[in-house]
């Protein structure tokens, strides 16, 4: 399908200034064949920024831009081409007629992270291949083996297993101490771009739900792809988002994952609170619809286009297209 693009661009949104001191200077060579230089990293920096790449269509059919937010330890690459080289959801939703904004959140990808002491606090967390394989439900707990020929995927698994190493190359360090900074960055993005539709994945699910609570006048819909958390219903006023349609999409093998049933229960509790307040949260449970085999990354699975079409159908049903 041919699409007509008006503009492709990118920008960073500011985080905060941080000053670092007490680091001993060192000597190093910054360019092969170059001179030895003294490196003094004491000084003032910009940190906690967010990177956003946008593709705007010449004639969008969607009423509002679509903001795509990635999960923990990932970057905006989540939404781009799949690990086995097929077009991802960025292209799918452009073809559906959306202006698309794909971001790298605080500390991720082109947003960059700071390794300097005292800027974040805490230690970074990086996923092993086993954690990616079993935690993201490519295979059951205990199915990973360092000898790839001995790894065991779920029967009927739709994730492109042959491209698993390519997927792991997308992972980046994450910190557990930057949630507030990340939420603030996403809230700023909403104010810059909105009104908009938010599509989140995994860790960013909570950020998407919260962004709607923080800006109910700007968020037109919230779409959570396998969100791993929500605001606590008894600590927020969900009535403020009762007019905002919410959607959650779940893949397969949930009951076999150690943490996923708990995530589903959190979503159900949030849905019940929304309904009690007069709002709505729809759930697309793929196995319940007879669509089996999806991992935690349905935007990368071999039926990614079909799942994207289900989400688009929901978007259309909510009057979000022109």
C-alpha atoms as a PDB file:
ATOM      1  CA  UNK A   1       0.000   0.000   0.000  1.00  0.00           C
ATOM      2  CA  UNK A   2       1.266   3.489  -0.888  1.00  0.00           C
ATOM      3  CA  UNK A   3       0.942   6.269   1.677  1.00  0.00           C
ATOM      4  CA  UNK A   4       1.553   9.950   1.102  1.00  0.00           C
ATOM      5  CA  UNK A   5       3.706  11.488   3.828  1.00  0.00           C
ATOM      6  CA  UNK A   6       3.694  15.171   4.686  1.00  0.00           C
ATOM      7  CA  UNK A   7       6.684  15.117   7.028  1.00  0.00           C
ATOM      8  CA  UNK A   8       9.026  12.834   8.977  1.00  0.00           C
ATOM      9  CA  UNK A   9      10.788  14.440  11.913  1.00  0.00           C
ATOM     10  CA  UNK A  10      11.868  14.094  15.511  1.00  0.00           C
ATOM     11  CA  UNK A  11      12.400  16.070  18.684  1.00  0.00           C
ATOM     12  CA  UNK A  12      13.460  15.774  22.309  1.00  0.00           C
ATOM     13  CA  UNK A  13      11.365  17.012  25.194  1.00  0.00           C
ATOM     14  CA  UNK A  14      13.297  18.418  28.153  1.00  0.00           C
ATOM     15  CA  UNK A  15      13.743  16.584  31.404  1.00  0.00           C
ATOM     16  CA  UNK A  16      15.877  18.389  33.948  1.00  0.00           C
ATOM     17  CA  UNK A  17      19.335  19.780  34.563  1.00  0.00           C
ATOM     18  CA  UNK A  18      21.688  17.718  36.709  1.00  0.00           C
ATOM     19  CA  UNK A  19      25.055  18.783  38.107  1.00  0.00           C
ATOM     20  CA  UNK A  20      27.722  16.181  38.799  1.00  0.00           C
ATOM     21  CA  UNK A  21      30.811  16.692  40.943  1.00  0.00           C
ATOM     22  CA  UNK A  22      33.564  14.707  42.589  1.00  0.00           C
ATOM     23  CA  UNK A  23      34.537  12.583  39.582  1.00  0.00           C
ATOM     24  CA  UNK A  24      38.344  12.287  39.237  1.00  0.00           C
ATOM     25  CA  UNK A  25      39.593  13.472  35.813  1.00  0.00           C
ATOM     26  CA  UNK A  26      41.196  10.821  33.626  1.00  0.00           C
ATOM     27  CA  UNK A  27      43.240  10.672  30.452  1.00  0.00           C
ATOM     28  CA  UNK A  28      41.908   8.914  27.366  1.00  0.00           C
ATOM     29  CA  UNK A  29      42.025   8.857  23.570  1.00  0.00           C
ATOM     30  CA  UNK A  30      38.648   9.748  22.061  1.00  0.00           C
ATOM     31  CA  UNK A  31      39.447   9.060  18.403  1.00  0.00           C
ATOM     32  CA  UNK A  32      41.674   6.289  17.024  1.00  0.00           C
ATOM     33  CA  UNK A  33      45.006   7.894  16.213  1.00  0.00           C
ATOM     34  CA  UNK A  34      44.096  11.049  18.110  1.00  0.00           C
ATOM     35  CA  UNK A  35      45.897  12.721  20.997  1.00  0.00           C
ATOM     36  CA  UNK A  36      45.533  11.875  24.650  1.00  0.00           C
ATOM     37  CA  UNK A  37      43.057  14.197  26.316  1.00  0.00           C
ATOM     38  CA  UNK A  38      42.062  14.933  29.875  1.00  0.00           C
ATOM     39  CA  UNK A  39      38.432  13.949  30.453  1.00  0.00           C
ATOM     40  CA  UNK A  40      36.703  15.874  33.232  1.00  0.00           C
ATOM     41  CA  UNK A  41      33.053  14.858  33.589  1.00  0.00           C
ATOM     42  CA  UNK A  42      32.205  17.207  36.412  1.00  0.00           C
ATOM     43  CA  UNK A  43      29.643  19.755  35.316  1.00  0.00           C
ATOM     44  CA  UNK A  44      26.022  20.280  34.302  1.00  0.00           C
ATOM     45  CA  UNK A  45      24.001  17.985  32.046  1.00  0.00           C
ATOM     46  CA  UNK A  46      20.543  17.564  30.525  1.00  0.00           C
ATOM     47  CA  UNK A  47      18.974  14.304  31.727  1.00  0.00           C
ATOM     48  CA  UNK A  48      15.583  12.543  31.756  1.00  0.00           C
ATOM     49  CA  UNK A  49      14.659  13.782  28.292  1.00  0.00           C
ATOM     50  CA  UNK A  50      12.404  11.842  25.912  1.00  0.00           C
ATOM     51  CA  UNK A  51      12.958  11.289  22.186  1.00  0.00           C
ATOM     52  CA  UNK A  52      10.046  11.312  19.749  1.00  0.00           C
ATOM     53  CA  UNK A  53      10.004  10.444  16.058  1.00  0.00           C
ATOM     54  CA  UNK A  54       6.879  11.345  14.098  1.00  0.00           C
ATOM     55  CA  UNK A  55       5.477  10.514  10.690  1.00  0.00           C
ATOM     56  CA  UNK A  56       2.669  12.829   9.584  1.00  0.00           C
ATOM     57  CA  UNK A  57       0.476  11.912   6.656  1.00  0.00           C
ATOM     58  CA  UNK A  58      -0.536  14.318   3.916  1.00  0.00           C
ATOM     59  CA  UNK A  59      -4.184  13.405   4.484  1.00  0.00           C
ATOM     60  CA  UNK A  60      -4.659  11.509   7.761  1.00  0.00           C
ATOM     61  CA  UNK A  61      -7.940   9.663   8.147  1.00  0.00           C
ATOM     62  CA  UNK A  62      -7.673   9.432  11.931  1.00  0.00           C
ATOM     63  CA  UNK A  63      -9.022  12.329  13.951  1.00  0.00           C
ATOM     64  CA  UNK A  64      -6.040  12.381  16.323  1.00  0.00           C
ATOM     65  CA  UNK A  65      -2.354  11.408  16.279  1.00  0.00           C
ATOM     66  CA  UNK A  66      -1.430   7.995  17.651  1.00  0.00           C
ATOM     67  CA  UNK A  67       1.305   7.981  20.318  1.00  0.00           C
ATOM     68  CA  UNK A  68       3.137   4.645  20.611  1.00  0.00           C
ATOM     69  CA  UNK A  69       4.867   3.969  23.954  1.00  0.00           C
ATOM     70  CA  UNK A  70       7.155   0.961  24.468  1.00  0.00           C
ATOM     71  CA  UNK A  71       7.642  -1.355  27.420  1.00  0.00           C
ATOM     72  CA  UNK A  72      10.354  -1.912  30.003  1.00  0.00           C
ATOM     73  CA  UNK A  73      13.892  -2.411  28.761  1.00  0.00           C
ATOM     74  CA  UNK A  74      12.752  -1.663  25.228  1.00  0.00           C
ATOM     75  CA  UNK A  75      12.712   1.340  22.872  1.00  0.00           C
ATOM     76  CA  UNK A  76      10.480   2.665  20.109  1.00  0.00           C
ATOM     77  CA  UNK A  77      11.907  -0.063  17.871  1.00  0.00           C
ATOM     78  CA  UNK A  78       9.115  -2.201  19.368  1.00  0.00           C
ATOM     79  CA  UNK A  79       6.706  -0.537  16.940  1.00  0.00           C
ATOM     80  CA  UNK A  80       8.931  -0.480  13.868  1.00  0.00           C
ATOM     81  CA  UNK A  81       9.866  -3.513  11.742  1.00  0.00           C
ATOM     82  CA  UNK A  82       9.515  -6.923  13.383  1.00  0.00           C
ATOM     83  CA  UNK A  83      12.650  -8.910  14.315  1.00  0.00           C
ATOM     84  CA  UNK A  84      12.176 -11.069  11.197  1.00  0.00           C
ATOM     85  CA  UNK A  85      11.922  -8.046   8.926  1.00  0.00           C
ATOM     86  CA  UNK A  86       8.171  -7.569   8.392  1.00  0.00           C
ATOM     87  CA  UNK A  87       6.593  -4.107   8.697  1.00  0.00           C
ATOM     88  CA  UNK A  88       5.558  -3.417  12.269  1.00  0.00           C
ATOM     89  CA  UNK A  89       2.647  -1.523  13.766  1.00  0.00           C
ATOM     90  CA  UNK A  90       4.131   1.871  12.985  1.00  0.00           C
ATOM     91  CA  UNK A  91       3.579   1.121   9.301  1.00  0.00           C
ATOM     92  CA  UNK A  92       0.300  -0.694   9.890  1.00  0.00           C
ATOM     93  CA  UNK A  93      -1.295   2.282  11.610  1.00  0.00           C
ATOM     94  CA  UNK A  94       0.132   4.710   9.087  1.00  0.00           C
ATOM     95  CA  UNK A  95      -1.625   2.637   6.442  1.00  0.00           C
ATOM     96  CA  UNK A  96      -4.808   2.779   8.513  1.00  0.00           C
ATOM     97  CA  UNK A  97      -4.539   6.573   8.290  1.00  0.00           C
ATOM     98  CA  UNK A  98      -2.953   7.689  11.569  1.00  0.00           C
ATOM     99  CA  UNK A  99      -0.214  10.226  12.142  1.00  0.00           C
ATOM    100  CA  UNK A 100       2.171   8.163  14.293  1.00  0.00           C
ATOM    101  CA  UNK A 101       4.533   9.326  17.048  1.00  0.00           C
ATOM    102  CA  UNK A 102       6.982   6.672  18.281  1.00  0.00           C
ATOM    103  CA  UNK A 103       9.008   7.602  21.347  1.00  0.00           C
ATOM    104  CA  UNK A 104      12.057   6.388  23.233  1.00  0.00           C
ATOM    105  CA  UNK A 105      11.251   7.058  26.872  1.00  0.00           C
ATOM    106  CA  UNK A 106      13.500   8.437  29.597  1.00  0.00           C
ATOM    107  CA  UNK A 107      16.850   6.532  29.724  1.00  0.00           C
ATOM    108  CA  UNK A 108      16.037   4.519  26.577  1.00  0.00           C
ATOM    109  CA  UNK A 109      17.437   4.482  23.050  1.00  0.00           C
ATOM    110  CA  UNK A 110      17.904   7.860  21.420  1.00  0.00           C
ATOM    111  CA  UNK A 111      16.661   9.611  24.555  1.00  0.00           C
ATOM    112  CA  UNK A 112      20.047   8.458  25.972  1.00  0.00           C
ATOM    113  CA  UNK A 113      20.899   7.533  29.546  1.00  0.00           C
ATOM    114  CA  UNK A 114      23.353   8.914  32.052  1.00  0.00           C
ATOM    115  CA  UNK A 115      25.923   6.523  33.560  1.00  0.00           C
ATOM    116  CA  UNK A 116      27.269   9.225  35.849  1.00  0.00           C
ATOM    117  CA  UNK A 117      26.976   8.709  39.614  1.00  0.00           C
ATOM    118  CA  UNK A 118      24.214  10.500  41.445  1.00  0.00           C
ATOM    119  CA  UNK A 119      22.034  11.275  38.408  1.00  0.00           C
ATOM    120  CA  UNK A 120      19.499   8.434  38.659  1.00  0.00           C
ATOM    121  CA  UNK A 121      20.348   6.422  41.713  1.00  0.00           C
ATOM    122  CA  UNK A 122      19.922   2.681  41.809  1.00  0.00           C
ATOM    123  CA  UNK A 123      21.382   0.158  39.402  1.00  0.00           C
ATOM    124  CA  UNK A 124      20.328  -0.608  35.826  1.00  0.00           C
ATOM    125  CA  UNK A 125      18.523  -3.839  35.060  1.00  0.00           C
ATOM    126  CA  UNK A 126      19.242  -5.709  31.820  1.00  0.00           C
ATOM    127  CA  UNK A 127      17.314  -8.804  30.754  1.00  0.00           C
ATOM    128  CA  UNK A 128      19.088 -12.055  29.974  1.00  0.00           C
ATOM    129  CA  UNK A 129      18.031 -14.139  26.998  1.00  0.00           C
ATOM    130  CA  UNK A 130      16.339 -16.559  29.386  1.00  0.00           C
ATOM    131  CA  UNK A 131      14.307 -13.747  30.933  1.00  0.00           C
ATOM    132  CA  UNK A 132      13.223 -12.591  27.478  1.00  0.00           C
ATOM    133  CA  UNK A 133      12.331 -16.120  26.355  1.00  0.00           C
ATOM    134  CA  UNK A 134      10.387 -17.218  29.419  1.00  0.00           C
ATOM    135  CA  UNK A 135       9.218 -13.848  30.792  1.00  0.00           C
ATOM    136  CA  UNK A 136       7.738 -12.740  27.463  1.00  0.00           C
ATOM    137  CA  UNK A 137       6.066 -16.142  26.976  1.00  0.00           C
ATOM    138  CA  UNK A 138       7.982 -17.403  23.975  1.00  0.00           C
ATOM    139  CA  UNK A 139       8.350 -20.645  25.902  1.00  0.00           C
ATOM    140  CA  UNK A 140       7.262 -21.892  29.345  1.00  0.00           C
ATOM    141  CA  UNK A 141       9.284 -21.497  32.517  1.00  0.00           C
ATOM    142  CA  UNK A 142      12.195 -23.913  32.352  1.00  0.00           C
ATOM    143  CA  UNK A 143      12.180 -24.113  28.546  1.00  0.00           C
ATOM    144  CA  UNK A 144      15.268 -21.952  27.945  1.00  0.00           C
ATOM    145  CA  UNK A 145      18.593 -23.597  27.153  1.00  0.00           C
ATOM    146  CA  UNK A 146      21.902 -22.001  26.217  1.00  0.00           C
ATOM    147  CA  UNK A 147      22.027 -24.514  23.371  1.00  0.00           C
ATOM    148  CA  UNK A 148      19.358 -22.959  21.146  1.00  0.00           C
ATOM    149  CA  UNK A 149      18.487 -26.310  19.578  1.00  0.00           C
ATOM    150  CA  UNK A 150      17.358 -27.430  23.013  1.00  0.00           C
ATOM    151  CA  UNK A 151      15.086 -24.435  23.670  1.00  0.00           C
ATOM    152  CA  UNK A 152      11.401 -25.255  23.680  1.00  0.00           C
ATOM    153  CA  UNK A 153       8.799 -22.770  22.497  1.00  0.00           C
ATOM    154  CA  UNK A 154       5.109 -23.092  23.261  1.00  0.00           C
ATOM    155  CA  UNK A 155       3.220 -25.258  20.800  1.00  0.00           C
ATOM    156  CA  UNK A 156       1.647 -22.940  18.247  1.00  0.00           C
ATOM    157  CA  UNK A 157       3.876 -20.020  19.263  1.00  0.00           C
ATOM    158  CA  UNK A 158       3.472 -17.101  16.839  1.00  0.00           C
ATOM    159  CA  UNK A 159       6.576 -15.170  17.863  1.00  0.00           C
ATOM    160  CA  UNK A 160       9.258 -15.418  15.116  1.00  0.00           C
ATOM    161  CA  UNK A 161      11.482 -17.759  17.111  1.00  0.00           C
ATOM    162  CA  UNK A 162      14.156 -17.929  14.411  1.00  0.00           C
ATOM    163  CA  UNK A 163      14.647 -14.175  14.856  1.00  0.00           C
ATOM    164  CA  UNK A 164      14.808 -14.313  18.672  1.00  0.00           C
ATOM    165  CA  UNK A 165      18.429 -13.130  18.828  1.00  0.00           C
ATOM    166  CA  UNK A 166      17.462 -10.123  16.709  1.00  0.00           C
ATOM    167  CA  UNK A 167      14.748  -9.327  19.226  1.00  0.00           C
ATOM    168  CA  UNK A 168      17.140  -9.523  22.179  1.00  0.00           C
ATOM    169  CA  UNK A 169      19.430  -7.041  20.418  1.00  0.00           C
ATOM    170  CA  UNK A 170      16.644  -4.480  20.836  1.00  0.00           C
ATOM    171  CA  UNK A 171      16.766  -4.622  24.633  1.00  0.00           C
ATOM    172  CA  UNK A 172      18.477  -1.854  26.581  1.00  0.00           C
ATOM    173  CA  UNK A 173      19.212  -1.101  30.261  1.00  0.00           C
ATOM    174  CA  UNK A 174      16.380   0.187  32.399  1.00  0.00           C
ATOM    175  CA  UNK A 175      16.237   1.717  35.853  1.00  0.00           C
ATOM    176  CA  UNK A 176      13.445   1.184  38.368  1.00  0.00           C
ATOM    177  CA  UNK A 177      13.821   4.670  39.859  1.00  0.00           C
ATOM    178  CA  UNK A 178      12.704   6.778  36.901  1.00  0.00           C
ATOM    179  CA  UNK A 179       8.954   6.183  36.836  1.00  0.00           C
ATOM    180  CA  UNK A 180       8.076   9.709  37.956  1.00  0.00           C
ATOM    181  CA  UNK A 181      10.401  11.258  35.372  1.00  0.00           C
ATOM    182  CA  UNK A 182       8.985   9.019  32.652  1.00  0.00           C
ATOM    183  CA  UNK A 183       5.401   9.878  33.552  1.00  0.00           C
ATOM    184  CA  UNK A 184       6.244  13.577  33.533  1.00  0.00           C
ATOM    185  CA  UNK A 185       7.830  13.221  30.095  1.00  0.00           C
ATOM    186  CA  UNK A 186       4.812  11.420  28.671  1.00  0.00           C
ATOM    187  CA  UNK A 187       2.488  14.010  30.224  1.00  0.00           C
ATOM    188  CA  UNK A 188       4.516  16.734  28.534  1.00  0.00           C
ATOM    189  CA  UNK A 189       4.281  14.891  25.222  1.00  0.00           C
ATOM    190  CA  UNK A 190       0.491  14.790  25.548  1.00  0.00           C
ATOM    191  CA  UNK A 191       0.434  18.551  26.072  1.00  0.00           C
ATOM    192  CA  UNK A 192       2.746  19.108  23.088  1.00  0.00           C
ATOM    193  CA  UNK A 193       0.931  16.866  20.611  1.00  0.00           C
ATOM    194  CA  UNK A 194      -2.583  16.354  21.970  1.00  0.00           C
ATOM    195  CA  UNK A 195      -5.384  15.751  21.591  1.00  0.00           C
ATOM    196  CA  UNK A 196      -4.141  12.239  20.873  1.00  0.00           C
ATOM    197  CA  UNK A 197      -4.734   8.505  21.227  1.00  0.00           C
ATOM    198  CA  UNK A 198      -2.229   6.684  23.464  1.00  0.00           C
ATOM    199  CA  UNK A 199      -1.107   3.151  22.625  1.00  0.00           C
ATOM    200  CA  UNK A 200       1.097   1.597  25.299  1.00  0.00           C
ATOM    201  CA  UNK A 201       2.807  -1.750  25.767  1.00  0.00           C
ATOM    202  CA  UNK A 202       3.717  -3.622  28.940  1.00  0.00           C
ATOM    203  CA  UNK A 203       5.431  -1.284  31.454  1.00  0.00           C
ATOM    204  CA  UNK A 204       4.084   1.818  29.724  1.00  0.00           C
ATOM    205  CA  UNK A 205       0.529   0.615  30.281  1.00  0.00           C
ATOM    206  CA  UNK A 206       0.457   2.311  33.676  1.00  0.00           C
ATOM    207  CA  UNK A 207       1.895   5.471  32.123  1.00  0.00           C
ATOM    208  CA  UNK A 208      -0.857   5.474  29.502  1.00  0.00           C
ATOM    209  CA  UNK A 209      -3.681   5.042  32.004  1.00  0.00           C
ATOM    210  CA  UNK A 210      -2.158   7.728  34.223  1.00  0.00           C
ATOM    211  CA  UNK A 211      -1.632  10.125  31.314  1.00  0.00           C
ATOM    212  CA  UNK A 212      -5.375  10.010  30.701  1.00  0.00           C
ATOM    213  CA  UNK A 213      -6.063  10.754  34.367  1.00  0.00           C
ATOM    214  CA  UNK A 214      -3.654  13.696  34.201  1.00  0.00           C
ATOM    215  CA  UNK A 215      -5.042  15.102  30.937  1.00  0.00           C
ATOM    216  CA  UNK A 216      -8.605  13.893  30.327  1.00  0.00           C
ATOM    217  CA  UNK A 217      -9.107  16.880  28.042  1.00  0.00           C
ATOM    218  CA  UNK A 218      -6.289  15.767  25.729  1.00  0.00           C
ATOM    219  CA  UNK A 219      -6.339  11.960  25.697  1.00  0.00           C
ATOM    220  CA  UNK A 220      -9.022  10.690  23.331  1.00  0.00           C
ATOM    221  CA  UNK A 221      -8.481   6.949  23.891  1.00  0.00           C
ATOM    222  CA  UNK A 222      -6.172   4.619  25.816  1.00  0.00           C
ATOM    223  CA  UNK A 223      -5.013   1.356  24.233  1.00  0.00           C
ATOM    224  CA  UNK A 224      -2.954  -0.999  26.386  1.00  0.00           C
ATOM    225  CA  UNK A 225      -1.208  -3.919  24.715  1.00  0.00           C
ATOM    226  CA  UNK A 226      -0.592  -6.409  27.536  1.00  0.00           C
ATOM    227  CA  UNK A 227      -0.197  -3.674  30.179  1.00  0.00           C
ATOM    228  CA  UNK A 228       1.714  -4.754  33.265  1.00  0.00           C
ATOM    229  CA  UNK A 229       0.101  -2.291  35.649  1.00  0.00           C
ATOM    230  CA  UNK A 230      -2.572   0.298  36.294  1.00  0.00           C
ATOM    231  CA  UNK A 231      -3.107   3.120  38.756  1.00  0.00           C
ATOM    232  CA  UNK A 232      -4.657   1.826  41.979  1.00  0.00           C
ATOM    233  CA  UNK A 233      -8.423   2.416  41.589  1.00  0.00           C
ATOM    234  CA  UNK A 234      -8.849   3.395  45.229  1.00  0.00           C
ATOM    235  CA  UNK A 235      -6.139   6.053  44.940  1.00  0.00           C
ATOM    236  CA  UNK A 236      -7.309   7.894  41.809  1.00  0.00           C
ATOM    237  CA  UNK A 237     -10.568   9.389  40.601  1.00  0.00           C
ATOM    238  CA  UNK A 238     -11.438   7.222  37.619  1.00  0.00           C
ATOM    239  CA  UNK A 239     -14.621   9.215  37.049  1.00  0.00           C
ATOM    240  CA  UNK A 240     -12.469  11.875  35.364  1.00  0.00           C
ATOM    241  CA  UNK A 241     -11.786   9.448  32.491  1.00  0.00           C
ATOM    242  CA  UNK A 242     -15.210   7.878  32.181  1.00  0.00           C
ATOM    243  CA  UNK A 243     -15.704   9.516  28.782  1.00  0.00           C
ATOM    244  CA  UNK A 244     -12.386   8.181  27.442  1.00  0.00           C
ATOM    245  CA  UNK A 245     -12.651   4.744  25.786  1.00  0.00           C
ATOM    246  CA  UNK A 246     -10.106   2.215  27.045  1.00  0.00           C
ATOM    247  CA  UNK A 247      -8.947  -0.992  25.357  1.00  0.00           C
ATOM    248  CA  UNK A 248      -6.660  -3.796  26.547  1.00  0.00           C
ATOM    249  CA  UNK A 249      -5.323  -6.599  24.343  1.00  0.00           C
ATOM    250  CA  UNK A 250      -4.094  -9.927  25.761  1.00  0.00           C
ATOM    251  CA  UNK A 251      -2.145 -12.675  24.018  1.00  0.00           C
ATOM    252  CA  UNK A 252      -1.902 -16.372  24.820  1.00  0.00           C
ATOM    253  CA  UNK A 253      -0.302 -18.588  27.476  1.00  0.00           C
ATOM    254  CA  UNK A 254      -1.261 -16.145  30.258  1.00  0.00           C
ATOM    255  CA  UNK A 255      -2.109 -18.846  32.793  1.00  0.00           C
ATOM    256  CA  UNK A 256       1.254 -20.507  32.255  1.00  0.00           C
ATOM    257  CA  UNK A 257       3.258 -17.377  33.034  1.00  0.00           C
ATOM    258  CA  UNK A 258       4.179 -16.812  36.663  1.00  0.00           C
ATOM    259  CA  UNK A 259       3.329 -13.085  36.767  1.00  0.00           C
ATOM    260  CA  UNK A 260       0.764 -12.633  34.020  1.00  0.00           C
ATOM    261  CA  UNK A 261      -2.396 -13.782  35.840  1.00  0.00           C
ATOM    262  CA  UNK A 262      -1.695 -11.084  38.444  1.00  0.00           C
ATOM    263  CA  UNK A 263      -1.377  -8.456  35.727  1.00  0.00           C
ATOM    264  CA  UNK A 264      -4.711  -9.533  34.293  1.00  0.00           C
ATOM    265  CA  UNK A 265      -6.362  -9.249  37.696  1.00  0.00           C
ATOM    266  CA  UNK A 266      -5.075  -5.674  38.041  1.00  0.00           C
ATOM    267  CA  UNK A 267      -6.631  -4.808  34.699  1.00  0.00           C
ATOM    268  CA  UNK A 268      -9.939  -6.387  35.648  1.00  0.00           C
ATOM    269  CA  UNK A 269     -10.008  -4.397  38.884  1.00  0.00           C
ATOM    270  CA  UNK A 270      -9.351  -1.172  36.971  1.00  0.00           C
ATOM    271  CA  UNK A 271     -12.027  -2.097  34.437  1.00  0.00           C
ATOM    272  CA  UNK A 272     -14.547  -2.722  37.208  1.00  0.00           C
ATOM    273  CA  UNK A 273     -13.746   0.640  38.782  1.00  0.00           C
ATOM    274  CA  UNK A 274     -14.155   2.400  35.443  1.00  0.00           C
ATOM    275  CA  UNK A 275     -17.485   0.704  34.833  1.00  0.00           C
ATOM    276  CA  UNK A 276     -18.698   1.624  38.294  1.00  0.00           C
ATOM    277  CA  UNK A 277     -17.837   5.248  37.496  1.00  0.00           C
ATOM    278  CA  UNK A 278     -19.759   5.136  34.215  1.00  0.00           C
ATOM    279  CA  UNK A 279     -16.749   4.524  31.976  1.00  0.00           C
ATOM    280  CA  UNK A 280     -15.619   1.607  29.872  1.00  0.00           C
ATOM    281  CA  UNK A 281     -12.621  -0.635  29.349  1.00  0.00           C
ATOM    282  CA  UNK A 282     -12.953  -3.201  26.573  1.00  0.00           C
ATOM    283  CA  UNK A 283     -10.764  -6.292  26.472  1.00  0.00           C
ATOM    284  CA  UNK A 284      -9.665  -8.167  23.366  1.00  0.00           C
ATOM    285  CA  UNK A 285      -8.655 -11.574  24.688  1.00  0.00           C
ATOM    286  CA  UNK A 286      -7.152 -13.164  21.603  1.00  0.00           C
ATOM    287  CA  UNK A 287      -7.470 -16.828  22.704  1.00  0.00           C
ATOM    288  CA  UNK A 288     -11.081 -16.211  23.722  1.00  0.00           C
ATOM    289  CA  UNK A 289     -11.651 -15.094  20.133  1.00  0.00           C
ATOM    290  CA  UNK A 290     -10.080 -18.257  18.807  1.00  0.00           C
ATOM    291  CA  UNK A 291      -6.735 -16.566  17.994  1.00  0.00           C
ATOM    292  CA  UNK A 292      -4.063 -18.645  19.647  1.00  0.00           C
ATOM    293  CA  UNK A 293      -0.305 -18.512  20.032  1.00  0.00           C
ATOM    294  CA  UNK A 294       0.406 -14.831  20.651  1.00  0.00           C
ATOM    295  CA  UNK A 295       3.300 -13.830  22.891  1.00  0.00           C
ATOM    296  CA  UNK A 296       3.741 -10.710  24.989  1.00  0.00           C
ATOM    297  CA  UNK A 297       4.646  -8.929  21.745  1.00  0.00           C
ATOM    298  CA  UNK A 298       1.654  -9.286  19.404  1.00  0.00           C
ATOM    299  CA  UNK A 299       3.069  -6.443  17.305  1.00  0.00           C
ATOM    300  CA  UNK A 300       5.950  -8.794  16.446  1.00  0.00           C
ATOM    301  CA  UNK A 301       4.107 -12.106  16.155  1.00  0.00           C
ATOM    302  CA  UNK A 302       3.475 -13.668  12.747  1.00  0.00           C
ATOM    303  CA  UNK A 303      -0.178 -12.537  12.862  1.00  0.00           C
ATOM    304  CA  UNK A 304       0.704  -8.967  13.857  1.00  0.00           C
ATOM    305  CA  UNK A 305      -1.258  -7.461  10.965  1.00  0.00           C
ATOM    306  CA  UNK A 306      -4.408  -9.328  11.990  1.00  0.00           C
ATOM    307  CA  UNK A 307      -4.112  -8.164  15.609  1.00  0.00           C
ATOM    308  CA  UNK A 308      -3.483  -4.580  14.454  1.00  0.00           C
ATOM    309  CA  UNK A 309      -6.664  -4.801  12.361  1.00  0.00           C
ATOM    310  CA  UNK A 310      -8.659  -5.783  15.465  1.00  0.00           C
ATOM    311  CA  UNK A 311      -7.327  -2.737  17.290  1.00  0.00           C
ATOM    312  CA  UNK A 312      -8.134  -0.549  14.298  1.00  0.00           C
ATOM    313  CA  UNK A 313     -11.683  -1.930  14.202  1.00  0.00           C
ATOM    314  CA  UNK A 314     -12.079  -0.885  17.832  1.00  0.00           C
ATOM    315  CA  UNK A 315     -10.697   2.587  17.063  1.00  0.00           C
ATOM    316  CA  UNK A 316     -13.213   2.967  14.261  1.00  0.00           C
ATOM    317  CA  UNK A 317     -16.043   1.738  16.508  1.00  0.00           C
ATOM    318  CA  UNK A 318     -15.274   4.596  18.920  1.00  0.00           C
ATOM    319  CA  UNK A 319     -15.642   7.267  16.233  1.00  0.00           C
ATOM    320  CA  UNK A 320     -11.958   8.148  16.205  1.00  0.00           C
ATOM    321  CA  UNK A 321     -11.621   8.135  12.419  1.00  0.00           C
ATOM    322  CA  UNK A 322     -12.830  10.914  10.119  1.00  0.00           C
END
